[in-house]
Amino acid sequence: MNNVLLKERELREQMVTLARSMFDRGYATGGAGNLSLKLPDGHFLATPTGSSFGRLVAEELSVVDIDGHHISGKKPSKEVAFHLAIYRNNPQCNAIVHLHSTYLTALSCLEGIDNRNAIKAFTPYFVMRIGELPVIPYLRPGDPQIANELAKRAGDYRAFLLANHGPVVTGTDLLDAVDNAEELEETAKLEFLLKDREIRYLTDEEIIDLKGRGK
């Protein structure tokens, strides 16, 4: 087996393992959410339409090209279109996690959140892993306009919140994207836990200092 095929097999197994881990810990339920990553040959590996994170099969994962043409595996999720829009507009992005996780989805349903940044920074790792969380106005799932909205912002942000829907989180690889998604969900959880308390938010100077540091 050549190195490209070996690497693809490893990435398929990694996707199955990480998806199952998120499912087991309640980050994904039923057939909601989807994952994708960039393959060594330039194509993209994605979760099939309607698939459960807890029941993925490595050999059945979808492969598409940058234009969304189905190459192999099961039919990809219709939402792979917005994944590809991000890849086209952010060369540093090599993997994407889209969840309907509890706290971020709850946050996405609130009136009055700041569409420029849905979470005001109060933990260092939110700043270092995510930075800011812009909100994409509500569009029905599968609407092509979601891809257009994400494409416009893809080069400037690591994560996005789809109104009344859930988060879309990027990474340099799938492990990084999953870590970013988990950190973001935990930050949203903390925000709900602290909603009746006075929060000590990070200052502008503290945020600037953190943005210059690693994760």
Protein backbone atom coordinates (compact mmCIF):
# COMPACT_ATOMS: atom_id res chain seq x y z
CA MET A 1 0.00 0.00 0.00
CA ASN A 2 1.45 3.38 -1.00
CA ASN A 3 1.86 6.22 1.48
CA VAL A 4 -1.15 8.21 0.20
CA LEU A 5 -3.53 5.26 0.58
CA LEU A 6 -2.06 4.39 3.97
CA LYS A 7 -2.56 7.96 5.18
CA GLU A 8 -6.13 7.97 3.89
CA ARG A 9 -6.88 4.76 5.78
CA GLU A 10 -5.45 6.31 8.97
CA LEU A 11 -7.59 9.44 8.47
CA ARG A 12 -10.71 7.34 7.92
CA GLU A 13 -10.10 5.45 11.15
CA GLN A 14 -9.37 8.69 12.99
CA MET A 15 -12.68 10.19 11.81
CA VAL A 16 -14.61 7.15 13.00
CA THR A 17 -12.83 7.13 16.38
CA LEU A 18 -13.23 10.86 17.07
CA ALA A 19 -16.85 10.88 15.92
CA ARG A 20 -17.67 7.96 18.23
CA SER A 21 -15.94 9.74 21.12
CA MET A 22 -18.04 12.87 20.59
CA PHE A 23 -21.21 10.79 20.28
CA ASP A 24 -20.49 8.88 23.49
CA ARG A 25 -20.00 12.14 25.38
CA GLY A 26 -23.17 13.78 24.09
CA TYR A 27 -21.71 16.26 21.61
CA ALA A 28 -23.76 14.69 18.81
CA THR A 29 -27.11 12.89 18.84
CA GLY A 30 -29.02 10.85 16.27
CA GLY A 31 -27.95 11.66 12.72
CA ALA A 32 -27.21 15.32 13.44
CA GLY A 33 -23.96 17.07 12.54
CA ASN A 34 -21.19 16.26 10.09
CA LEU A 35 -17.41 16.11 9.78
CA SER A 36 -14.96 16.59 6.95
CA LEU A 37 -11.22 16.69 6.35
CA LYS A 38 -8.80 17.30 3.52
CA LEU A 39 -7.20 14.16 2.09
CA PRO A 40 -3.58 13.95 0.83
CA ASP A 41 -4.77 13.70 -2.80
CA GLY A 42 -6.73 16.98 -2.55
CA HIS A 43 -10.17 15.39 -2.21
CA PHE A 44 -12.27 15.59 0.95
CA LEU A 45 -13.48 12.89 3.32
CA ALA A 46 -16.90 13.55 4.85
CA THR A 47 -19.59 11.86 6.88
CA PRO A 48 -22.47 10.47 4.79
CA THR A 49 -25.94 11.99 4.79
CA GLY A 50 -28.02 11.16 7.85
CA SER A 51 -25.20 9.20 9.48
CA SER A 52 -24.78 8.93 13.24
CA PHE A 53 -21.43 9.88 14.78
CA GLY A 54 -21.77 6.73 16.88
CA ARG A 55 -22.15 4.33 13.95
CA LEU A 56 -19.75 5.45 11.22
CA VAL A 57 -17.94 2.83 9.11
CA ALA A 58 -14.52 3.83 7.77
CA GLU A 59 -15.02 2.22 4.35
CA GLU A 60 -18.42 3.90 3.86
CA LEU A 61 -17.30 7.49 4.44
CA SER A 62 -17.97 9.87 1.54
CA VAL A 63 -15.26 11.30 -0.70
CA VAL A 64 -15.94 14.45 -2.72
CA ASP A 65 -13.87 16.85 -4.78
CA ILE A 66 -13.57 20.60 -4.18
CA ASP A 67 -16.61 21.20 -6.43
CA GLY A 68 -18.74 18.77 -4.43
CA HIS A 69 -18.78 15.94 -6.96
CA HIS A 70 -19.31 12.58 -5.26
CA ILE A 71 -16.20 10.42 -5.83
CA SER A 72 -16.77 7.34 -3.65
CA GLY A 73 -18.43 5.97 -0.54
CA LYS A 74 -21.97 6.71 0.57
CA LYS A 75 -23.79 9.87 -0.49
CA PRO A 76 -22.37 12.87 1.40
CA SER A 77 -24.39 15.14 3.65
CA LYS A 78 -26.03 18.06 1.80
CA GLU A 79 -24.17 20.31 4.24
CA VAL A 80 -20.82 19.31 2.76
CA ALA A 81 -21.37 22.29 0.42
CA PHE A 82 -20.71 24.77 3.21
CA HIS A 83 -17.65 22.78 4.33
CA LEU A 84 -16.22 23.15 0.82
CA ALA A 85 -16.96 26.88 0.80
CA ILE A 86 -14.75 27.25 3.88
CA TYR A 87 -11.95 25.14 2.37
CA ARG A 88 -11.98 27.26 -0.78
CA ASN A 89 -11.60 30.47 1.20
CA ASN A 90 -9.28 29.40 4.01
CA PRO A 91 -6.13 27.50 2.94
CA GLN A 92 -5.15 26.94 6.59
CA CYS A 93 -8.33 24.92 7.22
CA ASN A 94 -7.84 21.16 6.84
CA ALA A 95 -10.83 19.85 8.83
CA ILE A 96 -14.32 20.97 9.89
CA VAL A 97 -16.66 19.90 12.70
CA HIS A 98 -20.35 20.82 12.55
CA LEU A 99 -22.35 19.91 15.65
CA HIS A 100 -25.81 20.40 17.12
CA SER A 101 -24.26 20.30 20.60
CA THR A 102 -26.54 21.28 23.46
CA TYR A 103 -25.11 24.52 24.83
CA LEU A 104 -23.97 26.07 21.55
CA THR A 105 -27.28 25.24 19.90
CA ALA A 106 -29.09 26.78 22.88
CA LEU A 107 -26.91 29.87 22.51
CA SER A 108 -27.72 30.03 18.79
CA CYS A 109 -31.44 30.25 19.63
CA LEU A 110 -31.19 33.27 21.94
CA GLU A 111 -32.47 36.69 21.01
CA GLY A 112 -30.12 39.62 21.43
CA ILE A 113 -26.73 37.90 21.14
CA ASP A 114 -23.96 39.90 19.48
CA ASN A 115 -23.86 38.73 15.85
CA ARG A 116 -20.25 39.92 15.58
CA ASN A 117 -19.15 37.72 18.51
CA ALA A 118 -21.68 35.49 20.31
CA ILE A 119 -19.40 34.85 23.32
CA LYS A 120 -17.59 37.68 25.07
CA ALA A 121 -14.20 36.31 26.13
CA PHE A 122 -13.89 35.21 29.75
CA THR A 123 -11.53 32.21 29.47
CA PRO A 124 -8.02 32.16 27.95
CA TYR A 125 -8.56 29.02 25.88
CA PHE A 126 -11.62 30.44 24.16
CA VAL A 127 -9.40 33.27 22.95
CA MET A 128 -6.47 31.04 21.98
CA ARG A 129 -8.52 28.34 20.25
CA ILE A 130 -11.45 30.33 18.83
CA GLY A 131 -10.89 34.06 19.20
CA GLU A 132 -14.33 35.32 18.16
CA LEU A 133 -17.59 33.59 17.26
CA PRO A 134 -19.62 35.40 14.56
CA VAL A 135 -23.28 34.45 14.04
CA ILE A 136 -24.61 33.49 10.61
CA PRO A 137 -28.24 34.70 10.25
CA TYR A 138 -30.88 31.96 10.24
CA LEU A 139 -31.18 29.94 7.05
CA ARG A 140 -32.90 26.58 6.70
CA PRO A 141 -30.53 23.57 6.86
CA GLY A 142 -29.19 22.84 3.38
CA ASP A 143 -29.83 26.35 2.06
CA PRO A 144 -27.01 27.20 -0.42
CA GLN A 145 -26.82 30.67 1.10
CA ILE A 146 -25.17 29.19 4.22
CA ALA A 147 -22.13 28.38 2.08
CA ASN A 148 -22.08 31.94 0.74
CA GLU A 149 -22.28 33.45 4.23
CA LEU A 150 -19.48 31.20 5.53
CA ALA A 151 -17.32 31.85 2.46
CA LYS A 152 -17.41 35.60 3.15
CA ARG A 153 -16.07 35.06 6.68
CA ALA A 154 -13.92 31.95 6.26
CA GLY A 155 -10.57 33.72 6.08
CA ASP A 156 -11.12 35.70 9.27
CA TYR A 157 -12.52 33.24 11.83
CA ARG A 158 -11.95 29.71 13.17
CA ALA A 159 -15.56 29.07 14.17
CA PHE A 160 -19.08 30.22 13.37
CA LEU A 161 -22.50 29.92 15.00
CA LEU A 162 -25.42 29.19 12.67
CA ALA A 163 -28.48 30.90 14.16
CA ASN A 164 -31.04 28.40 15.53
CA HIS A 165 -28.82 25.58 14.29
CA GLY A 166 -25.37 25.05 15.85
CA PRO A 167 -21.60 25.58 15.53
CA VAL A 168 -19.22 25.14 12.61
CA VAL A 169 -15.61 24.81 13.78
CA THR A 170 -12.39 24.57 11.76
CA GLY A 171 -8.93 23.18 12.49
CA THR A 172 -5.51 22.54 11.02
CA ASP A 173 -6.43 18.84 11.15
CA LEU A 174 -9.38 16.84 12.47
CA LEU A 175 -7.97 16.47 15.98
CA ASP A 176 -7.44 20.22 16.19
CA ALA A 177 -10.97 20.91 14.90
CA VAL A 178 -12.47 18.50 17.46
CA ASP A 179 -10.46 20.07 20.28
CA ASN A 180 -11.61 23.52 19.16
CA ALA A 181 -15.24 22.37 19.02
CA GLU A 182 -15.08 20.83 22.49
CA GLU A 183 -13.47 23.95 23.97
CA LEU A 184 -16.16 26.09 22.35
CA GLU A 185 -19.00 23.90 23.66
CA GLU A 186 -17.52 23.99 27.17
CA THR A 187 -17.28 27.79 27.00
CA ALA A 188 -20.96 28.02 26.03
CA LYS A 189 -21.82 25.68 28.91
CA LEU A 190 -19.90 27.88 31.34
CA GLU A 191 -21.70 30.95 30.03
CA PHE A 192 -25.08 29.39 30.85
CA LEU A 193 -23.85 28.25 34.27
CA LEU A 194 -22.68 31.79 35.04
CA LYS A 195 -25.71 33.61 33.60
CA ASP A 196 -26.96 34.82 37.01
CA ARG A 197 -23.51 35.77 38.27
CA GLU A 198 -21.27 38.74 37.61
CA ILE A 199 -18.62 37.57 35.14
CA ARG A 200 -15.08 38.89 35.12
CA TYR A 201 -14.48 39.28 31.37
CA LEU A 202 -10.96 39.46 29.94
CA THR A 203 -9.70 42.94 29.17
CA ASP A 204 -8.70 44.07 25.67
CA GLU A 205 -5.05 43.99 26.75
CA GLU A 206 -5.39 40.42 28.06
CA ILE A 207 -7.06 39.30 24.85
CA ILE A 208 -4.33 40.85 22.70
CA ASP A 209 -1.68 39.09 24.81
CA LEU A 210 -3.43 35.71 24.44
CA LYS A 211 -3.88 36.00 20.68
CA GLY A 212 -0.11 36.10 20.32
CA ARG A 213 0.32 32.77 22.11
CA GLY A 214 -0.15 29.14 21.14
CA LYS A 215 -3.04 26.93 22.13
